[in-house]
PDB file of N, CA and C in Angstrom:
ATOM      1  N   GLY A   1      65.318  89.699 103.718  1.00  0.00           N
ATOM      2  CA  GLY A   1      65.172  89.313 105.118  1.00  0.00           C
ATOM      3  C   GLY A   1      66.272  89.907 105.982  1.00  0.00           C
ATOM      4  N   PRO A   2      66.242  89.601 107.268  1.00  0.00           N
ATOM      5  CA  PRO A   2      67.232  90.164 108.204  1.00  0.00           C
ATOM      6  C   PRO A   2      68.671  89.806 107.846  1.00  0.00           C
ATOM      7  N   ALA A   3      68.898  88.566 107.368  1.00  0.00           N
ATOM      8  CA  ALA A   3      70.265  88.142 107.040  1.00  0.00           C
ATOM      9  C   ALA A   3      70.834  88.959 105.886  1.00  0.00           C
ATOM     10  N   SER A   4      70.013  89.183 104.860  1.00  0.00           N
ATOM     11  CA  SER A   4      70.533  89.952 103.727  1.00  0.00           C
ATOM     12  C   SER A   4      70.677  91.430 104.099  1.00  0.00           C
ATOM     13  N   ASP A   5      69.832  91.926 104.997  1.00  0.00           N
ATOM     14  CA  ASP A   5      69.998  93.303 105.491  1.00  0.00           C
ATOM     15  C   ASP A   5      71.337  93.439 106.223  1.00  0.00           C
ATOM     16  N   LEU A   6      71.640  92.436 107.065  1.00  0.00           N
ATOM     17  CA  LEU A   6      72.899  92.455 107.811  1.00  0.00           C
ATOM     18  C   LEU A   6      74.092  92.402 106.851  1.00  0.00           C
ATOM     19  N   ALA A   7      74.008  91.537 105.846  1.00  0.00           N
ATOM     20  CA  ALA A   7      75.095  91.433 104.859  1.00  0.00           C
ATOM     21  C   ALA A   7      75.271  92.756 104.124  1.00  0.00           C
ATOM     22  N   ALA A   8      74.169  93.394 103.775  1.00  0.00           N
ATOM     23  CA  ALA A   8      74.242  94.683 103.072  1.00  0.00           C
ATOM     24  C   ALA A   8      74.870  95.742 103.976  1.00  0.00           C
ATOM     25  N   ASP A   9      74.504  95.742 105.266  1.00  0.00           N
ATOM     26  CA  ASP A   9      75.084  96.693 106.230  1.00  0.00           C
ATOM     27  C   ASP A   9      76.591  96.473 106.371  1.00  0.00           C
ATOM     28  N   LYS A  10      76.990  95.207 106.524  1.00  0.00           N
ATOM     29  CA  LYS A  10      78.414  94.895 106.663  1.00  0.00           C
ATOM     30  C   LYS A  10      79.176  95.301 105.418  1.00  0.00           C
ATOM     31  N   THR A  11      78.578  95.084 104.254  1.00  0.00           N
ATOM     32  CA  THR A  11      79.216  95.454 102.996  1.00  0.00           C
ATOM     33  C   THR A  11      79.411  96.966 102.928  1.00  0.00           C
ATOM     34  N   ALA A  12      78.407  97.720 103.370  1.00  0.00           N
ATOM     35  CA  ALA A  12      78.506  99.182 103.363  1.00  0.00           C
ATOM     36  C   ALA A  12      79.652  99.647 104.264  1.00  0.00           C
ATOM     37  N   VAL A  13      79.807  99.016 105.425  1.00  0.00           N
ATOM     38  CA  VAL A  13      80.894  99.379 106.344  1.00  0.00           C
ATOM     39  C   VAL A  13      82.247  99.072 105.709  1.00  0.00           C
ATOM     40  N   LEU A  14      82.378  97.874 105.126  1.00  0.00           N
ATOM     41  CA  LEU A  14      83.643  97.498 104.489  1.00  0.00           C
ATOM     42  C   LEU A  14      83.961  98.430 103.323  1.00  0.00           C
ATOM     43  N   GLU A  15      82.936  98.817 102.568  1.00  0.00           N
ATOM     44  CA  GLU A  15      83.184  99.718 101.436  1.00  0.00           C
ATOM     45  C   GLU A  15      83.583 101.111 101.913  1.00  0.00           C
ATOM     46  N   ALA A  16      83.072 101.518 103.069  1.00  0.00           N
ATOM     47  CA  ALA A  16      83.505 102.796 103.653  1.00  0.00           C
ATOM     48  C   ALA A  16      84.981 102.722 104.050  1.00  0.00           C
ATOM     49  N   VAL A  17      85.393 101.588 104.615  1.00  0.00           N
ATOM     50  CA  VAL A  17      86.806 101.367 104.971  1.00  0.00           C
ATOM     51  C   VAL A  17      87.668 101.464 103.712  1.00  0.00           C
ATOM     52  N   LEU A  18      87.208 100.842 102.632  1.00  0.00           N
ATOM     53  CA  LEU A  18      87.978 100.873 101.383  1.00  0.00           C
ATOM     54  C   LEU A  18      88.031 102.276 100.788  1.00  0.00           C
ATOM     55  N   GLY A  19      86.958 103.036 100.947  1.00  0.00           N
ATOM     56  CA  GLY A  19      86.959 104.426 100.493  1.00  0.00           C
ATOM     57  C   GLY A  19      87.986 105.248 101.252  1.00  0.00           C
ATOM     58  N   PHE A  20      88.071 105.004 102.568  1.00  0.00           N
ATOM     59  CA  PHE A  20      89.082 105.667 103.387  1.00  0.00           C
ATOM     60  C   PHE A  20      90.474 105.284 102.896  1.00  0.00           C
ATOM     61  N   TYR A  21      90.679 103.995 102.639  1.00  0.00           N
ATOM     62  CA  TYR A  21      91.981 103.517 102.147  1.00  0.00           C
ATOM     63  C   TYR A  21      92.357 104.235 100.850  1.00  0.00           C
ATOM     64  N   ASP A  22      91.401 104.345  99.924  1.00  0.00           N
ATOM     65  CA  ASP A  22      91.667 105.014  98.648  1.00  0.00           C
ATOM     66  C   ASP A  22      92.090 106.465  98.842  1.00  0.00           C
ATOM     67  N   ARG A  23      91.369 107.160  99.709  1.00  0.00           N
ATOM     68  CA  ARG A  23      91.694 108.578  99.947  1.00  0.00           C
ATOM     69  C   ARG A  23      93.070 108.700 100.601  1.00  0.00           C
ATOM     70  N   PHE A  24      93.358 107.809 101.543  1.00  0.00           N
ATOM     71  CA  PHE A  24      94.658 107.807 102.208  1.00  0.00           C
ATOM     72  C   PHE A  24      95.771 107.527 101.199  1.00  0.00           C
ATOM     73  N   ALA A  25      95.559 106.511 100.353  1.00  0.00           N
ATOM     74  CA  ALA A  25      96.585 106.074  99.404  1.00  0.00           C
ATOM     75  C   ALA A  25      96.877 107.138  98.345  1.00  0.00           C
ATOM     76  N   GLU A  26      95.913 108.027  98.089  1.00  0.00           N
ATOM     77  CA  GLU A  26      96.168 109.132  97.153  1.00  0.00           C
ATOM     78  C   GLU A  26      97.191 110.104  97.739  1.00  0.00           C
ATOM     79  N   GLN A  27      97.231 110.220  99.059  1.00  0.00           N
ATOM     80  CA  GLN A  27      98.103 111.190  99.730  1.00  0.00           C
ATOM     81  C   GLN A  27      99.443 110.573 100.153  1.00  0.00           C
ATOM     82  N   ASN A  28      99.436 109.294 100.519  1.00  0.00           N
ATOM     83  CA  ASN A  28     100.621 108.640 101.082  1.00  0.00           C
ATOM     84  C   ASN A  28     100.756 107.253 100.472  1.00  0.00           C
ATOM     85  N   PRO A  29     101.995 106.799 100.278  1.00  0.00           N
ATOM     86  CA  PRO A  29     102.119 105.401  99.861  1.00  0.00           C
ATOM     87  C   PRO A  29     101.614 104.502 100.995  1.00  0.00           C
ATOM     88  N   PRO A  30     100.690 103.598 100.728  1.00  0.00           N
ATOM     89  CA  PRO A  30     100.154 102.784 101.811  1.00  0.00           C
ATOM     90  C   PRO A  30     101.212 101.831 102.369  1.00  0.00           C
ATOM     91  N   THR A  31     101.175 101.610 103.670  1.00  0.00           N
ATOM     92  CA  THR A  31     102.070 100.632 104.283  1.00  0.00           C
ATOM     93  C   THR A  31     101.605  99.236 103.871  1.00  0.00           C
ATOM     94  N   PRO A  32     102.510  98.260 103.914  1.00  0.00           N
ATOM     95  CA  PRO A  32     102.085  96.889 103.605  1.00  0.00           C
ATOM     96  C   PRO A  32     100.919  96.442 104.489  1.00  0.00           C
ATOM     97  N   ARG A  33     100.948  96.816 105.775  1.00  0.00           N
ATOM     98  CA  ARG A  33      99.867  96.400 106.673  1.00  0.00           C
ATOM     99  C   ARG A  33      98.517  96.982 106.242  1.00  0.00           C
ATOM    100  N   LEU A  34      98.525  98.273 105.867  1.00  0.00           N
ATOM    101  CA  LEU A  34      97.285  98.920 105.433  1.00  0.00           C
ATOM    102  C   LEU A  34      96.792  98.291 104.122  1.00  0.00           C
ATOM    103  N   GLN A  35      97.730  98.006 103.225  1.00  0.00           N
ATOM    104  CA  GLN A  35      97.360  97.371 101.959  1.00  0.00           C
ATOM    105  C   GLN A  35      96.762  95.984 102.217  1.00  0.00           C
ATOM    106  N   PHE A  36      97.342  95.259 103.181  1.00  0.00           N
ATOM    107  CA  PHE A  36      96.849  93.925 103.536  1.00  0.00           C
ATOM    108  C   PHE A  36      95.436  94.022 104.113  1.00  0.00           C
ATOM    109  N   GLU A  37      95.198  95.010 104.986  1.00  0.00           N
ATOM    110  CA  GLU A  37      93.859  95.189 105.560  1.00  0.00           C
ATOM    111  C   GLU A  37      92.842  95.531 104.459  1.00  0.00           C
ATOM    112  N   ALA A  38      93.242  96.365 103.510  1.00  0.00           N
ATOM    113  CA  ALA A  38      92.343  96.718 102.406  1.00  0.00           C
ATOM    114  C   ALA A  38      92.051  95.489 101.547  1.00  0.00           C
ATOM    115  N   ALA A  39      93.053  94.645 101.347  1.00  0.00           N
ATOM    116  CA  ALA A  39      92.855  93.419 100.566  1.00  0.00           C
ATOM    117  C   ALA A  39      91.847  92.500 101.252  1.00  0.00           C
ATOM    118  N   LYS A  40      92.003  92.344 102.580  1.00  0.00           N
ATOM    119  CA  LYS A  40      91.062  91.487 103.321  1.00  0.00           C
ATOM    120  C   LYS A  40      89.648  92.053 103.247  1.00  0.00           C
ATOM    121  N   ALA A  41      89.525  93.361 103.387  1.00  0.00           N
ATOM    122  CA  ALA A  41      88.203  93.995 103.290  1.00  0.00           C
ATOM    123  C   ALA A  41      87.613  93.764 101.897  1.00  0.00           C
ATOM    124  N   SER A  42      88.452  93.863 100.857  1.00  0.00           N
ATOM    125  CA  SER A  42      87.978  93.648  99.486  1.00  0.00           C
ATOM    126  C   SER A  42      87.465  92.222  99.305  1.00  0.00           C
ATOM    127  N   ARG A  43      88.182  91.250  99.874  1.00  0.00           N
ATOM    128  CA  ARG A  43      87.717  89.864  99.755  1.00  0.00           C
ATOM    129  C   ARG A  43      86.367  89.696 100.444  1.00  0.00           C
ATOM    130  N   ARG A  44      86.207  90.292 101.625  1.00  0.00           N
ATOM    131  CA  ARG A  44      84.937  90.167 102.345  1.00  0.00           C
ATOM    132  C   ARG A  44      83.807  90.856 101.573  1.00  0.00           C
ATOM    133  N   VAL A  45      84.107  91.976 100.938  1.00  0.00           N
ATOM    134  CA  VAL A  45      83.114  92.661 100.099  1.00  0.00           C
ATOM    135  C   VAL A  45      82.721  91.760  98.930  1.00  0.00           C
ATOM    136  N   CYS A  46      83.714  91.110  98.320  1.00  0.00           N
ATOM    137  CA  CYS A  46      83.441  90.177  97.223  1.00  0.00           C
ATOM    138  C   CYS A  46      82.478  89.092  97.685  1.00  0.00           C
ATOM    139  N   GLU A  47      82.767  88.471  98.838  1.00  0.00           N
ATOM    140  CA  GLU A  47      81.925  87.390  99.349  1.00  0.00           C
ATOM    141  C   GLU A  47      80.512  87.890  99.639  1.00  0.00           C
ATOM    142  N   ALA A  48      80.405  89.084 100.220  1.00  0.00           N
ATOM    143  CA  ALA A  48      79.089  89.632 100.546  1.00  0.00           C
ATOM    144  C   ALA A  48      78.282  89.901  99.274  1.00  0.00           C
ATOM    145  N   HIS A  49      78.930  90.496  98.265  1.00  0.00           N
ATOM    146  CA  HIS A  49      78.222  90.761  97.006  1.00  0.00           C
ATOM    147  C   HIS A  49      77.787  89.457  96.347  1.00  0.00           C
ATOM    148  N   ALA A  50      78.644  88.445  96.407  1.00  0.00           N
ATOM    149  CA  ALA A  50      78.285  87.148  95.816  1.00  0.00           C
ATOM    150  C   ALA A  50      77.055  86.591  96.532  1.00  0.00           C
ATOM    151  N   TRP A  51      77.052  86.687  97.866  1.00  0.00           N
ATOM    152  CA  TRP A  51      75.944  86.185  98.666  1.00  0.00           C
ATOM    153  C   TRP A  51      74.657  86.958  98.367  1.00  0.00           C
ATOM    154  N   LEU A  52      74.803  88.249  98.105  1.00  0.00           N
ATOM    155  CA  LEU A  52      73.645  89.094  97.798  1.00  0.00           C
ATOM    156  C   LEU A  52      73.272  89.035  96.310  1.00  0.00           C
ATOM    157  N   ARG A  53      73.910  88.133  95.582  1.00  0.00           N
ATOM    158  CA  ARG A  53      73.663  87.944  94.144  1.00  0.00           C
ATOM    159  C   ARG A  53      73.894  89.230  93.344  1.00  0.00           C
ATOM    160  N   ARG A  54      75.083  89.810  93.551  1.00  0.00           N
ATOM    161  CA  ARG A  54      75.503  90.980  92.764  1.00  0.00           C
ATOM    162  C   ARG A  54      76.806  90.604  92.069  1.00  0.00           C
ATOM    163  N   PRO A  55      76.711  89.845  90.968  1.00  0.00           N
ATOM    164  CA  PRO A  55      77.932  89.302  90.361  1.00  0.00           C
ATOM    165  C   PRO A  55      78.915  90.361  89.855  1.00  0.00           C
ATOM    166  N   LYS A  56      78.401  91.459  89.337  1.00  0.00           N
ATOM    167  CA  LYS A  56      79.299  92.492  88.799  1.00  0.00           C
ATOM    168  C   LYS A  56      80.135  93.112  89.921  1.00  0.00           C
ATOM    169  N   GLU A  57      79.467  93.437  91.039  1.00  0.00           N
ATOM    170  CA  GLU A  57      80.164  94.036  92.186  1.00  0.00           C
ATOM    171  C   GLU A  57      81.124  93.032  92.812  1.00  0.00           C
ATOM    172  N   ALA A  58      80.704  91.756  92.866  1.00  0.00           N
ATOM    173  CA  ALA A  58      81.569  90.710  93.427  1.00  0.00           C
ATOM    174  C   ALA A  58      82.848  90.589  92.600  1.00  0.00           C
ATOM    175  N   ALA A  59      82.701  90.594  91.274  1.00  0.00           N
ATOM    176  CA  ALA A  59      83.866  90.457  90.393  1.00  0.00           C
ATOM    177  C   ALA A  59      84.819  91.640  90.554  1.00  0.00           C
ATOM    178  N   ALA A  60      84.271  92.843  90.699  1.00  0.00           N
ATOM    179  CA  ALA A  60      85.110  94.035  90.872  1.00  0.00           C
ATOM    180  C   ALA A  60      85.887  93.958  92.189  1.00  0.00           C
ATOM    181  N   ALA A  61      85.219  93.555  93.269  1.00  0.00           N
ATOM    182  CA  ALA A  61      85.874  93.455  94.573  1.00  0.00           C
ATOM    183  C   ALA A  61      86.930  92.350  94.560  1.00  0.00           C
ATOM    184  N   TYR A  62      86.644  91.244  93.865  1.00  0.00           N
ATOM    185  CA  TYR A  62      87.602  90.152  93.740  1.00  0.00           C
ATOM    186  C   TYR A  62      88.869  90.632  93.027  1.00  0.00           C
ATOM    187  N   GLY A  63      88.674  91.318  91.898  1.00  0.00           N
ATOM    188  CA  GLY A  63      89.815  91.826  91.138  1.00  0.00           C
ATOM    189  C   GLY A  63      90.666  92.767  91.969  1.00  0.00           C
ATOM    190  N   ARG A  64      90.002  93.557  92.775  1.00  0.00           N
ATOM    191  CA  ARG A  64      90.716  94.492  93.632  1.00  0.00           C
ATOM    192  C   ARG A  64      91.521  93.770  94.714  1.00  0.00           C
ATOM    193  N   ALA A  65      90.920  92.760  95.335  1.00  0.00           N
ATOM    194  CA  ALA A  65      91.622  91.993  96.375  1.00  0.00           C
ATOM    195  C   ALA A  65      92.883  91.351  95.800  1.00  0.00           C
ATOM    196  N   VAL A  66      92.752  90.744  94.623  1.00  0.00           N
ATOM    197  CA  VAL A  66      93.899  90.091  93.982  1.00  0.00           C
ATOM    198  C   VAL A  66      94.979  91.119  93.637  1.00  0.00           C
ATOM    199  N   ALA A  67      94.555  92.270  93.103  1.00  0.00           N
ATOM    200  CA  ALA A  67      95.518  93.313  92.711  1.00  0.00           C
ATOM    201  C   ALA A  67      96.274  93.876  93.920  1.00  0.00           C
ATOM    202  N   LEU A  68      95.628  93.892  95.081  1.00  0.00           N
ATOM    203  CA  LEU A  68      96.289  94.359  96.300  1.00  0.00           C
ATOM    204  C   LEU A  68      97.195  93.276  96.895  1.00  0.00           C
ATOM    205  N   LEU A  69      96.757  92.027  96.812  1.00  0.00           N
ATOM    206  CA  LEU A  69      97.469  90.935  97.487  1.00  0.00           C
ATOM    207  C   LEU A  69      98.663  90.393  96.716  1.00  0.00           C
ATOM    208  N   GLU A  70      98.527  90.208  95.403  1.00  0.00           N
ATOM    209  CA  GLU A  70      99.603  89.554  94.657  1.00  0.00           C
ATOM    210  C   GLU A  70     100.950  90.272  94.820  1.00  0.00           C
ATOM    211  N   PRO A  71     100.986  91.617  94.729  1.00  0.00           N
ATOM    212  CA  PRO A  71     102.283  92.290  94.934  1.00  0.00           C
ATOM    213  C   PRO A  71     102.809  92.128  96.365  1.00  0.00           C
ATOM    214  N   LEU A  72     101.904  92.076  97.342  1.00  0.00           N
ATOM    215  CA  LEU A  72     102.342  91.883  98.735  1.00  0.00           C
ATOM    216  C   LEU A  72     102.983  90.510  98.914  1.00  0.00           C
ATOM    217  N   VAL A  73     102.350  89.483  98.355  1.00  0.00           N
ATOM    218  CA  VAL A  73     102.878  88.120  98.490  1.00  0.00           C
ATOM    219  C   VAL A  73     104.224  88.010  97.768  1.00  0.00           C
ATOM    220  N   ALA A  74     104.349  88.695  96.633  1.00  0.00           N
ATOM    221  CA  ALA A  74     105.626  88.691  95.909  1.00  0.00           C
ATOM    222  C   ALA A  74     106.720  89.368  96.742  1.00  0.00           C
ATOM    223  N   ARG A  75     106.339  90.422  97.459  1.00  0.00           N
ATOM    224  CA  ARG A  75     107.297  91.190  98.245  1.00  0.00           C
ATOM    225  C   ARG A  75     107.633  90.522  99.577  1.00  0.00           C
ATOM    226  N   PHE A  76     106.655  89.811 100.145  1.00  0.00           N
ATOM    227  CA  PHE A  76     106.838  89.156 101.444  1.00  0.00           C
ATOM    228  C   PHE A  76     106.475  87.668 101.325  1.00  0.00           C
ATOM    229  N   PRO A  77     107.304  86.905 100.575  1.00  0.00           N
ATOM    230  CA  PRO A  77     106.923  85.513 100.295  1.00  0.00           C
ATOM    231  C   PRO A  77     106.827  84.633 101.541  1.00  0.00           C
ATOM    232  N   ASP A  78     107.483  85.031 102.637  1.00  0.00           N
ATOM    233  CA  ASP A  78     107.458  84.201 103.853  1.00  0.00           C
ATOM    234  C   ASP A  78     106.318  84.560 104.800  1.00  0.00           C
ATOM    235  N   HIS A  79     105.515  85.560 104.438  1.00  0.00           N
ATOM    236  CA  HIS A  79     104.410  85.990 105.308  1.00  0.00           C
ATOM    237  C   HIS A  79     103.237  85.025 105.137  1.00  0.00           C
ATOM    238  N   GLU A  80     103.076  84.132 106.133  1.00  0.00           N
ATOM    239  CA  GLU A  80     102.023  83.092 106.057  1.00  0.00           C
ATOM    240  C   GLU A  80     100.641  83.707 105.871  1.00  0.00           C
ATOM    241  N   GLY A  81     100.347  84.759 106.646  1.00  0.00           N
ATOM    242  CA  GLY A  81      99.028  85.371 106.612  1.00  0.00           C
ATOM    243  C   GLY A  81      98.672  85.896 105.237  1.00  0.00           C
ATOM    244  N   MET A  82      99.643  86.510 104.577  1.00  0.00           N
ATOM    245  CA  MET A  82      99.387  87.067 103.243  1.00  0.00           C
ATOM    246  C   MET A  82      99.163  85.951 102.230  1.00  0.00           C
ATOM    247  N   ARG A  83      99.971  84.895 102.327  1.00  0.00           N
ATOM    248  CA  ARG A  83      99.799  83.762 101.399  1.00  0.00           C
ATOM    249  C   ARG A  83      98.443  83.098 101.623  1.00  0.00           C
ATOM    250  N   ALA A  84      98.070  82.924 102.886  1.00  0.00           N
ATOM    251  CA  ALA A  84      96.783  82.291 103.206  1.00  0.00           C
ATOM    252  C   ALA A  84      95.624  83.155 102.693  1.00  0.00           C
ATOM    253  N   GLU A  85      95.744  84.462 102.862  1.00  0.00           N
ATOM    254  CA  GLU A  85      94.691  85.375 102.407  1.00  0.00           C
ATOM    255  C   GLU A  85      94.546  85.311 100.885  1.00  0.00           C
ATOM    256  N   LEU A  86      95.674  85.226 100.184  1.00  0.00           N
ATOM    257  CA  LEU A  86      95.610  85.131  98.725  1.00  0.00           C
ATOM    258  C   LEU A  86      94.927  83.824  98.315  1.00  0.00           C
ATOM    259  N   ALA A  87      95.242  82.725  98.999  1.00  0.00           N
ATOM    260  CA  ALA A  87      94.592  81.442  98.705  1.00  0.00           C
ATOM    261  C   ALA A  87      93.084  81.545  98.956  1.00  0.00           C
ATOM    262  N   LEU A  88      92.701  82.153 100.087  1.00  0.00           N
ATOM    263  CA  LEU A  88      91.281  82.357 100.404  1.00  0.00           C
ATOM    264  C   LEU A  88      90.604  83.191  99.329  1.00  0.00           C
ATOM    265  N   THR A  89      91.325  84.214  98.860  1.00  0.00           N
ATOM    266  CA  THR A  89      90.758  85.100  97.834  1.00  0.00           C
ATOM    267  C   THR A  89      90.511  84.314  96.547  1.00  0.00           C
ATOM    268  N   TYR A  90      91.513  83.520  96.123  1.00  0.00           N
ATOM    269  CA  TYR A  90      91.328  82.705  94.918  1.00  0.00           C
ATOM    270  C   TYR A  90      90.132  81.772  95.075  1.00  0.00           C
ATOM    271  N   LEU A  91      89.973  81.212  96.282  1.00  0.00           N
ATOM    272  CA  LEU A  91      88.849  80.297  96.527  1.00  0.00           C
ATOM    273  C   LEU A  91      87.498  81.002  96.483  1.00  0.00           C
ATOM    274  N   SER A  92      87.505  82.304  96.787  1.00  0.00           N
ATOM    275  CA  SER A  92      86.229  83.046  96.796  1.00  0.00           C
ATOM    276  C   SER A  92      85.933  83.681  95.433  1.00  0.00           C
ATOM    277  N   ALA A  93      86.714  83.313  94.410  1.00  0.00           N
ATOM    278  CA  ALA A  93      86.496  83.890  93.078  1.00  0.00           C
ATOM    279  C   ALA A  93      85.038  83.718  92.654  1.00  0.00           C
ATOM    280  N   PRO A  94      84.394  84.817  92.241  1.00  0.00           N
ATOM    281  CA  PRO A  94      82.978  84.719  91.866  1.00  0.00           C
ATOM    282  C   PRO A  94      82.793  83.986  90.532  1.00  0.00           C
TER     283      PRO A  94
END
């Protein structure tokens, strides 16, 4: 239906953003802000895949979000936004 089409479209856009991040990160060490944005995009991709009943893709996106976020939270323990995002990510575990 229209809702799942919209979710699939949004997922495609987020995955394009993550593809850009990957290509950028191969050339330059990513800034914490860019890494944080990629982590948020990964969490949203995880949620979209879960909603679209794609458990394998959801699990991969979840693992990626955690792998991007945990080092950031360790490095910036006082950053409320990063801690909150990590909590949200754990809650969205597929």
